[in-house]
Amino acid sequence: MNEQIMERNVDLVTTVTAYILQHPHMLEQLPPDFRLVILPEDDPELSQYNLNLLAERTEPDKPIIIVRLLTHQLNFEHNPPRVYIPLAA
């Protein structure tokens, strides 16, 4: 496993988690237990890595929350990530 990919992933998860915690209205929309999948549009290597992780670690009882973002625009106050929440959890 490439250490740089893991570091980029940890950085994005930390940033997205902080954003969600700072916006309680988002927390209200999320199911109590879910899988978070971050798909950076400008980092195809990391997107593919995260899709592979999702395929390898299936947890059928957990809904999947997908976050699409641009890694070079992490100022979420001006350009928030797109969070896709399942309609039924």
PDB file of N, CA and C in Angstrom:
ATOM      1  N   MET A   1       0.840  -1.173   0.000  1.00  0.00           N
ATOM      2  CA  MET A   1       0.000   0.000   0.000  1.00  0.00           C
ATOM      3  C   MET A   1       0.890   1.243   0.000  1.00  0.00           C
ATOM      4  N   ASN A   2       0.565   2.174  -0.825  1.00  0.00           N
ATOM      5  CA  ASN A   2       1.364   3.377  -0.969  1.00  0.00           C
ATOM      6  C   ASN A   2       1.120   4.315   0.215  1.00  0.00           C
ATOM      7  N   GLU A   3       2.179   4.649   0.917  1.00  0.00           N
ATOM      8  CA  GLU A   3       2.066   5.499   2.108  1.00  0.00           C
ATOM      9  C   GLU A   3       1.541   6.891   1.768  1.00  0.00           C
ATOM     10  N   GLN A   4       1.911   7.416   0.603  1.00  0.00           N
ATOM     11  CA  GLN A   4       1.431   8.742   0.201  1.00  0.00           C
ATOM     12  C   GLN A   4      -0.083   8.743  -0.003  1.00  0.00           C
ATOM     13  N   ILE A   5      -0.606   7.681  -0.582  1.00  0.00           N
ATOM     14  CA  ILE A   5      -2.058   7.587  -0.779  1.00  0.00           C
ATOM     15  C   ILE A   5      -2.756   7.563   0.569  1.00  0.00           C
ATOM     16  N   MET A   6      -2.235   6.778   1.488  1.00  0.00           N
ATOM     17  CA  MET A   6      -2.842   6.701   2.817  1.00  0.00           C
ATOM     18  C   MET A   6      -2.804   8.059   3.513  1.00  0.00           C
ATOM     19  N   GLU A   7      -1.709   8.777   3.395  1.00  0.00           N
ATOM     20  CA  GLU A   7      -1.603  10.100   4.022  1.00  0.00           C
ATOM     21  C   GLU A   7      -2.607  11.073   3.417  1.00  0.00           C
ATOM     22  N   ARG A   8      -2.739  11.052   2.091  1.00  0.00           N
ATOM     23  CA  ARG A   8      -3.721  11.929   1.435  1.00  0.00           C
ATOM     24  C   ARG A   8      -5.127  11.580   1.902  1.00  0.00           C
ATOM     25  N   ASN A   9      -5.386  10.292   2.039  1.00  0.00           N
ATOM     26  CA  ASN A   9      -6.704   9.845   2.468  1.00  0.00           C
ATOM     27  C   ASN A   9      -7.002  10.297   3.896  1.00  0.00           C
ATOM     28  N   VAL A  10      -6.050  10.111   4.789  1.00  0.00           N
ATOM     29  CA  VAL A  10      -6.239  10.527   6.190  1.00  0.00           C
ATOM     30  C   VAL A  10      -6.474  12.035   6.264  1.00  0.00           C
ATOM     31  N   ASP A  11      -5.719  12.803   5.499  1.00  0.00           N
ATOM     32  CA  ASP A  11      -5.900  14.260   5.495  1.00  0.00           C
ATOM     33  C   ASP A  11      -7.309  14.639   5.040  1.00  0.00           C
ATOM     34  N   LEU A  12      -7.794  13.989   3.990  1.00  0.00           N
ATOM     35  CA  LEU A  12      -9.133  14.310   3.490  1.00  0.00           C
ATOM     36  C   LEU A  12     -10.219  13.877   4.466  1.00  0.00           C
ATOM     37  N   VAL A  13     -10.074  12.702   5.044  1.00  0.00           N
ATOM     38  CA  VAL A  13     -11.065  12.233   6.020  1.00  0.00           C
ATOM     39  C   VAL A  13     -11.122  13.200   7.197  1.00  0.00           C
ATOM     40  N   THR A  14      -9.975  13.653   7.659  1.00  0.00           N
ATOM     41  CA  THR A  14      -9.924  14.603   8.772  1.00  0.00           C
ATOM     42  C   THR A  14     -10.625  15.907   8.403  1.00  0.00           C
ATOM     43  N   THR A  15     -10.354  16.419   7.215  1.00  0.00           N
ATOM     44  CA  THR A  15     -10.948  17.677   6.765  1.00  0.00           C
ATOM     45  C   THR A  15     -12.457  17.547   6.597  1.00  0.00           C
ATOM     46  N   VAL A  16     -12.903  16.473   5.967  1.00  0.00           N
ATOM     47  CA  VAL A  16     -14.340  16.271   5.748  1.00  0.00           C
ATOM     48  C   VAL A  16     -15.060  16.059   7.077  1.00  0.00           C
ATOM     49  N   THR A  17     -14.476  15.278   7.960  1.00  0.00           N
ATOM     50  CA  THR A  17     -15.093  15.038   9.269  1.00  0.00           C
ATOM     51  C   THR A  17     -15.233  16.345  10.044  1.00  0.00           C
ATOM     52  N   ALA A  18     -14.208  17.169  10.029  1.00  0.00           N
ATOM     53  CA  ALA A  18     -14.274  18.464  10.717  1.00  0.00           C
ATOM     54  C   ALA A  18     -15.385  19.326  10.123  1.00  0.00           C
ATOM     55  N   TYR A  19     -15.504  19.329   8.807  1.00  0.00           N
ATOM     56  CA  TYR A  19     -16.556  20.113   8.149  1.00  0.00           C
ATOM     57  C   TYR A  19     -17.939  19.626   8.580  1.00  0.00           C
ATOM     58  N   ILE A  20     -18.137  18.323   8.583  1.00  0.00           N
ATOM     59  CA  ILE A  20     -19.437  17.765   8.972  1.00  0.00           C
ATOM     60  C   ILE A  20     -19.754  18.114  10.426  1.00  0.00           C
ATOM     61  N   LEU A  21     -18.777  18.005  11.300  1.00  0.00           N
ATOM     62  CA  LEU A  21     -19.000  18.312  12.714  1.00  0.00           C
ATOM     63  C   LEU A  21     -19.299  19.793  12.944  1.00  0.00           C
ATOM     64  N   GLN A  22     -18.787  20.652  12.071  1.00  0.00           N
ATOM     65  CA  GLN A  22     -19.035  22.089  12.193  1.00  0.00           C
ATOM     66  C   GLN A  22     -20.390  22.494  11.617  1.00  0.00           C
ATOM     67  N   HIS A  23     -21.057  21.571  10.956  1.00  0.00           N
ATOM     68  CA  HIS A  23     -22.351  21.860  10.334  1.00  0.00           C
ATOM     69  C   HIS A  23     -23.380  20.846  10.832  1.00  0.00           C
ATOM     70  N   PRO A  24     -23.958  21.117  12.001  1.00  0.00           N
ATOM     71  CA  PRO A  24     -24.879  20.161  12.633  1.00  0.00           C
ATOM     72  C   PRO A  24     -26.051  19.742  11.745  1.00  0.00           C
ATOM     73  N   HIS A  25     -26.477  20.631  10.838  1.00  0.00           N
ATOM     74  CA  HIS A  25     -27.580  20.242   9.948  1.00  0.00           C
ATOM     75  C   HIS A  25     -27.199  19.034   9.091  1.00  0.00           C
ATOM     76  N   MET A  26     -25.928  18.893   8.779  1.00  0.00           N
ATOM     77  CA  MET A  26     -25.484  17.728   8.012  1.00  0.00           C
ATOM     78  C   MET A  26     -25.550  16.473   8.872  1.00  0.00           C
ATOM     79  N   LEU A  27     -25.130  16.603  10.130  1.00  0.00           N
ATOM     80  CA  LEU A  27     -25.176  15.446  11.033  1.00  0.00           C
ATOM     81  C   LEU A  27     -26.596  14.925  11.184  1.00  0.00           C
ATOM     82  N   GLU A  28     -27.557  15.836  11.210  1.00  0.00           N
ATOM     83  CA  GLU A  28     -28.957  15.438  11.362  1.00  0.00           C
ATOM     84  C   GLU A  28     -29.440  14.600  10.181  1.00  0.00           C
ATOM     85  N   GLN A  29     -28.841  14.791   9.021  1.00  0.00           N
ATOM     86  CA  GLN A  29     -29.251  14.060   7.822  1.00  0.00           C
ATOM     87  C   GLN A  29     -28.558  12.706   7.684  1.00  0.00           C
ATOM     88  N   LEU A  30     -27.476  12.514   8.418  1.00  0.00           N
ATOM     89  CA  LEU A  30     -26.706  11.275   8.285  1.00  0.00           C
ATOM     90  C   LEU A  30     -27.310  10.161   9.126  1.00  0.00           C
ATOM     91  N   PRO A  31     -27.251   8.930   8.621  1.00  0.00           N
ATOM     92  CA  PRO A  31     -27.694   7.800   9.440  1.00  0.00           C
ATOM     93  C   PRO A  31     -26.748   7.623  10.631  1.00  0.00           C
ATOM     94  N   PRO A  32     -27.181   6.932  11.676  1.00  0.00           N
ATOM     95  CA  PRO A  32     -26.346   6.797  12.873  1.00  0.00           C
ATOM     96  C   PRO A  32     -25.045   6.022  12.642  1.00  0.00           C
ATOM     97  N   ASP A  33     -25.036   5.101  11.708  1.00  0.00           N
ATOM     98  CA  ASP A  33     -23.850   4.283  11.437  1.00  0.00           C
ATOM     99  C   ASP A  33     -23.716   4.154   9.925  1.00  0.00           C
ATOM    100  N   PHE A  34     -22.575   4.541   9.374  1.00  0.00           N
ATOM    101  CA  PHE A  34     -22.431   4.541   7.919  1.00  0.00           C
ATOM    102  C   PHE A  34     -20.976   4.373   7.527  1.00  0.00           C
ATOM    103  N   ARG A  35     -20.770   4.121   6.238  1.00  0.00           N
ATOM    104  CA  ARG A  35     -19.425   4.075   5.644  1.00  0.00           C
ATOM    105  C   ARG A  35     -19.218   5.377   4.880  1.00  0.00           C
ATOM    106  N   LEU A  36     -18.112   6.041   5.132  1.00  0.00           N
ATOM    107  CA  LEU A  36     -17.779   7.285   4.446  1.00  0.00           C
ATOM    108  C   LEU A  36     -16.792   6.971   3.331  1.00  0.00           C
ATOM    109  N   VAL A  37     -17.145   7.368   2.112  1.00  0.00           N
ATOM    110  CA  VAL A  37     -16.273   7.147   0.962  1.00  0.00           C
ATOM    111  C   VAL A  37     -16.003   8.504   0.318  1.00  0.00           C
ATOM    112  N   ILE A  38     -14.748   8.887   0.288  1.00  0.00           N
ATOM    113  CA  ILE A  38     -14.362  10.165  -0.305  1.00  0.00           C
ATOM    114  C   ILE A  38     -13.804   9.901  -1.697  1.00  0.00           C
ATOM    115  N   LEU A  39     -14.390  10.586  -2.681  1.00  0.00           N
ATOM    116  CA  LEU A  39     -13.966  10.433  -4.068  1.00  0.00           C
ATOM    117  C   LEU A  39     -13.505  11.792  -4.593  1.00  0.00           C
ATOM    118  N   PRO A  40     -12.213  12.080  -4.466  1.00  0.00           N
ATOM    119  CA  PRO A  40     -11.706  13.352  -4.976  1.00  0.00           C
ATOM    120  C   PRO A  40     -11.704  13.353  -6.505  1.00  0.00           C
ATOM    121  N   GLU A  41     -12.342  14.353  -7.064  1.00  0.00           N
ATOM    122  CA  GLU A  41     -12.474  14.424  -8.520  1.00  0.00           C
ATOM    123  C   GLU A  41     -11.156  14.707  -9.218  1.00  0.00           C
ATOM    124  N   ASP A  42     -10.226  15.335  -8.520  1.00  0.00           N
ATOM    125  CA  ASP A  42      -8.953  15.682  -9.144  1.00  0.00           C
ATOM    126  C   ASP A  42      -7.806  14.770  -8.691  1.00  0.00           C
ATOM    127  N   ASP A  43      -8.152  13.640  -8.095  1.00  0.00           N
ATOM    128  CA  ASP A  43      -7.144  12.659  -7.677  1.00  0.00           C
ATOM    129  C   ASP A  43      -7.673  11.260  -8.005  1.00  0.00           C
ATOM    130  N   PRO A  44      -7.602  10.874  -9.284  1.00  0.00           N
ATOM    131  CA  PRO A  44      -8.166   9.582  -9.685  1.00  0.00           C
ATOM    132  C   PRO A  44      -7.521   8.396  -8.975  1.00  0.00           C
ATOM    133  N   GLU A  45      -6.252   8.515  -8.633  1.00  0.00           N
ATOM    134  CA  GLU A  45      -5.575   7.430  -7.927  1.00  0.00           C
ATOM    135  C   GLU A  45      -6.218   7.203  -6.552  1.00  0.00           C
ATOM    136  N   LEU A  46      -6.472   8.275  -5.835  1.00  0.00           N
ATOM    137  CA  LEU A  46      -7.090   8.156  -4.514  1.00  0.00           C
ATOM    138  C   LEU A  46      -8.553   7.727  -4.621  1.00  0.00           C
ATOM    139  N   SER A  47      -9.255   8.226  -5.612  1.00  0.00           N
ATOM    140  CA  SER A  47     -10.642   7.791  -5.822  1.00  0.00           C
ATOM    141  C   SER A  47     -10.703   6.290  -6.063  1.00  0.00           C
ATOM    142  N   GLN A  48      -9.833   5.793  -6.911  1.00  0.00           N
ATOM    143  CA  GLN A  48      -9.817   4.361  -7.199  1.00  0.00           C
ATOM    144  C   GLN A  48      -9.435   3.560  -5.963  1.00  0.00           C
ATOM    145  N   TYR A  49      -8.478   4.049  -5.215  1.00  0.00           N
ATOM    146  CA  TYR A  49      -8.066   3.393  -3.967  1.00  0.00           C
ATOM    147  C   TYR A  49      -9.262   3.271  -3.020  1.00  0.00           C
ATOM    148  N   ASN A  50     -10.009   4.352  -2.864  1.00  0.00           N
ATOM    149  CA  ASN A  50     -11.159   4.330  -1.962  1.00  0.00           C
ATOM    150  C   ASN A  50     -12.277   3.430  -2.480  1.00  0.00           C
ATOM    151  N   LEU A  51     -12.483   3.392  -3.778  1.00  0.00           N
ATOM    152  CA  LEU A  51     -13.477   2.467  -4.339  1.00  0.00           C
ATOM    153  C   LEU A  51     -13.053   1.019  -4.121  1.00  0.00           C
ATOM    154  N   ASN A  52     -11.766   0.750  -4.252  1.00  0.00           N
ATOM    155  CA  ASN A  52     -11.266  -0.604  -3.992  1.00  0.00           C
ATOM    156  C   ASN A  52     -11.462  -0.987  -2.529  1.00  0.00           C
ATOM    157  N   LEU A  53     -11.186  -0.049  -1.615  1.00  0.00           N
ATOM    158  CA  LEU A  53     -11.422  -0.314  -0.192  1.00  0.00           C
ATOM    159  C   LEU A  53     -12.891  -0.633   0.063  1.00  0.00           C
ATOM    160  N   LEU A  54     -13.755   0.114  -0.561  1.00  0.00           N
ATOM    161  CA  LEU A  54     -15.189  -0.109  -0.392  1.00  0.00           C
ATOM    162  C   LEU A  54     -15.575  -1.503  -0.870  1.00  0.00           C
ATOM    163  N   ALA A  55     -15.042  -1.916  -2.006  1.00  0.00           N
ATOM    164  CA  ALA A  55     -15.365  -3.239  -2.552  1.00  0.00           C
ATOM    165  C   ALA A  55     -14.815  -4.362  -1.677  1.00  0.00           C
ATOM    166  N   GLU A  56     -13.647  -4.142  -1.097  1.00  0.00           N
ATOM    167  CA  GLU A  56     -13.007  -5.177  -0.278  1.00  0.00           C
ATOM    168  C   GLU A  56     -13.657  -5.334   1.089  1.00  0.00           C
ATOM    169  N   ARG A  57     -14.185  -4.267   1.610  1.00  0.00           N
ATOM    170  CA  ARG A  57     -14.709  -4.269   2.986  1.00  0.00           C
ATOM    171  C   ARG A  57     -16.204  -4.001   2.987  1.00  0.00           C
ATOM    172  N   THR A  58     -16.933  -4.952   2.500  1.00  0.00           N
ATOM    173  CA  THR A  58     -18.379  -4.770   2.447  1.00  0.00           C
ATOM    174  C   THR A  58     -18.995  -4.922   3.826  1.00  0.00           C
ATOM    175  N   GLU A  59     -19.892  -4.047   4.123  1.00  0.00           N
ATOM    176  CA  GLU A  59     -20.678  -4.093   5.351  1.00  0.00           C
ATOM    177  C   GLU A  59     -22.115  -3.796   4.930  1.00  0.00           C
ATOM    178  N   PRO A  60     -22.861  -4.835   4.569  1.00  0.00           N
ATOM    179  CA  PRO A  60     -24.173  -4.632   3.951  1.00  0.00           C
ATOM    180  C   PRO A  60     -25.177  -3.882   4.820  1.00  0.00           C
ATOM    181  N   ASP A  61     -24.999  -3.875   6.123  1.00  0.00           N
ATOM    182  CA  ASP A  61     -25.958  -3.198   6.993  1.00  0.00           C
ATOM    183  C   ASP A  61     -25.691  -1.703   7.132  1.00  0.00           C
ATOM    184  N   LYS A  62     -24.580  -1.236   6.601  1.00  0.00           N
ATOM    185  CA  LYS A  62     -24.240   0.179   6.734  1.00  0.00           C
ATOM    186  C   LYS A  62     -24.477   0.910   5.414  1.00  0.00           C
ATOM    187  N   PRO A  63     -25.224   1.998   5.463  1.00  0.00           N
ATOM    188  CA  PRO A  63     -25.365   2.805   4.248  1.00  0.00           C
ATOM    189  C   PRO A  63     -24.035   3.473   3.903  1.00  0.00           C
ATOM    190  N   ILE A  64     -23.873   3.783   2.638  1.00  0.00           N
ATOM    191  CA  ILE A  64     -22.644   4.402   2.145  1.00  0.00           C
ATOM    192  C   ILE A  64     -22.908   5.882   1.901  1.00  0.00           C
ATOM    193  N   ILE A  65     -22.088   6.714   2.505  1.00  0.00           N
ATOM    194  CA  ILE A  65     -22.138   8.154   2.286  1.00  0.00           C
ATOM    195  C   ILE A  65     -20.959   8.501   1.388  1.00  0.00           C
ATOM    196  N   ILE A  66     -21.256   9.092   0.237  1.00  0.00           N
ATOM    197  CA  ILE A  66     -20.212   9.438  -0.726  1.00  0.00           C
ATOM    198  C   ILE A  66     -19.984  10.945  -0.688  1.00  0.00           C
ATOM    199  N   VAL A  67     -18.725  11.326  -0.625  1.00  0.00           N
ATOM    200  CA  VAL A  67     -18.343  12.737  -0.641  1.00  0.00           C
ATOM    201  C   VAL A  67     -17.483  12.973  -1.874  1.00  0.00           C
ATOM    202  N   ARG A  68     -17.933  13.898  -2.729  1.00  0.00           N
ATOM    203  CA  ARG A  68     -17.156  14.296  -3.910  1.00  0.00           C
ATOM    204  C   ARG A  68     -16.585  15.674  -3.634  1.00  0.00           C
ATOM    205  N   LEU A  69     -15.316  15.862  -3.971  1.00  0.00           N
ATOM    206  CA  LEU A  69     -14.674  17.150  -3.722  1.00  0.00           C
ATOM    207  C   LEU A  69     -13.466  17.317  -4.621  1.00  0.00           C
ATOM    208  N   LEU A  70     -12.938  18.530  -4.604  1.00  0.00           N
ATOM    209  CA  LEU A  70     -11.685  18.837  -5.285  1.00  0.00           C
ATOM    210  C   LEU A  70     -10.631  19.062  -4.215  1.00  0.00           C
ATOM    211  N   THR A  71      -9.541  18.325  -4.288  1.00  0.00           N
ATOM    212  CA  THR A  71      -8.526  18.410  -3.235  1.00  0.00           C
ATOM    213  C   THR A  71      -7.800  19.749  -3.227  1.00  0.00           C
ATOM    214  N   HIS A  72      -7.777  20.439  -4.340  1.00  0.00           N
ATOM    215  CA  HIS A  72      -7.092  21.736  -4.369  1.00  0.00           C
ATOM    216  C   HIS A  72      -8.017  22.877  -3.937  1.00  0.00           C
ATOM    217  N   GLN A  73      -9.271  22.550  -3.593  1.00  0.00           N
ATOM    218  CA  GLN A  73     -10.221  23.562  -3.118  1.00  0.00           C
ATOM    219  C   GLN A  73     -10.824  23.101  -1.795  1.00  0.00           C
ATOM    220  N   LEU A  74      -9.993  22.981  -0.777  1.00  0.00           N
ATOM    221  CA  LEU A  74     -10.464  22.459   0.502  1.00  0.00           C
ATOM    222  C   LEU A  74     -10.976  23.544   1.442  1.00  0.00           C
ATOM    223  N   ASN A  75     -11.180  24.748   0.927  1.00  0.00           N
ATOM    224  CA  ASN A  75     -11.852  25.777   1.714  1.00  0.00           C
ATOM    225  C   ASN A  75     -13.351  25.545   1.539  1.00  0.00           C
ATOM    226  N   PHE A  76     -13.900  24.691   2.391  1.00  0.00           N
ATOM    227  CA  PHE A  76     -15.277  24.246   2.221  1.00  0.00           C
ATOM    228  C   PHE A  76     -16.304  25.337   2.485  1.00  0.00           C
ATOM    229  N   GLU A  77     -15.910  26.421   3.123  1.00  0.00           N
ATOM    230  CA  GLU A  77     -16.870  27.503   3.343  1.00  0.00           C
ATOM    231  C   GLU A  77     -17.245  28.157   2.016  1.00  0.00           C
ATOM    232  N   HIS A  78     -16.314  28.181   1.076  1.00  0.00           N
ATOM    233  CA  HIS A  78     -16.581  28.773  -0.233  1.00  0.00           C
ATOM    234  C   HIS A  78     -16.950  27.728  -1.280  1.00  0.00           C
ATOM    235  N   ASN A  79     -16.488  26.528  -1.092  1.00  0.00           N
ATOM    236  CA  ASN A  79     -16.730  25.456  -2.058  1.00  0.00           C
ATOM    237  C   ASN A  79     -16.982  24.164  -1.288  1.00  0.00           C
ATOM    238  N   PRO A  80     -18.188  23.998  -0.714  1.00  0.00           N
ATOM    239  CA  PRO A  80     -18.444  22.825   0.131  1.00  0.00           C
ATOM    240  C   PRO A  80     -18.392  21.521  -0.666  1.00  0.00           C
ATOM    241  N   PRO A  81     -18.029  20.443   0.004  1.00  0.00           N
ATOM    242  CA  PRO A  81     -18.032  19.140  -0.673  1.00  0.00           C
ATOM    243  C   PRO A  81     -19.468  18.735  -0.974  1.00  0.00           C
ATOM    244  N   ARG A  82     -19.629  17.918  -1.989  1.00  0.00           N
ATOM    245  CA  ARG A  82     -20.956  17.368  -2.310  1.00  0.00           C
ATOM    246  C   ARG A  82     -21.087  16.049  -1.561  1.00  0.00           C
ATOM    247  N   VAL A  83     -22.055  15.995  -0.680  1.00  0.00           N
ATOM    248  CA  VAL A  83     -22.273  14.814   0.146  1.00  0.00           C
ATOM    249  C   VAL A  83     -23.534  14.129  -0.346  1.00  0.00           C
ATOM    250  N   TYR A  84     -23.406  12.864  -0.712  1.00  0.00           N
ATOM    251  CA  TYR A  84     -24.540  12.087  -1.206  1.00  0.00           C
ATOM    252  C   TYR A  84     -24.981  11.128  -0.113  1.00  0.00           C
ATOM    253  N   ILE A  85     -26.201  11.338   0.334  1.00  0.00           N
ATOM    254  CA  ILE A  85     -26.758  10.573   1.440  1.00  0.00           C
ATOM    255  C   ILE A  85     -27.845   9.663   0.888  1.00  0.00           C
ATOM    256  N   PRO A  86     -27.869   8.390   1.290  1.00  0.00           N
ATOM    257  CA  PRO A  86     -28.915   7.490   0.784  1.00  0.00           C
ATOM    258  C   PRO A  86     -30.297   7.961   1.231  1.00  0.00           C
ATOM    259  N   LEU A  87     -31.288   7.730   0.380  1.00  0.00           N
ATOM    260  CA  LEU A  87     -32.656   8.135   0.709  1.00  0.00           C
ATOM    261  C   LEU A  87     -33.236   7.290   1.824  1.00  0.00           C
ATOM    262  N   ALA A  88     -32.881   6.024   1.848  1.00  0.00           N
ATOM    263  CA  ALA A  88     -33.371   5.125   2.902  1.00  0.00           C
ATOM    264  C   ALA A  88     -32.170   4.466   3.550  1.00  0.00           C
ATOM    265  N   ALA A  89     -32.110   4.565   4.850  1.00  0.00           N
ATOM    266  CA  ALA A  89     -30.979   3.963   5.565  1.00  0.00           C
ATOM    267  C   ALA A  89     -31.438   2.742   6.326  1.00  0.00           C
TER     268      ALA A  89
END
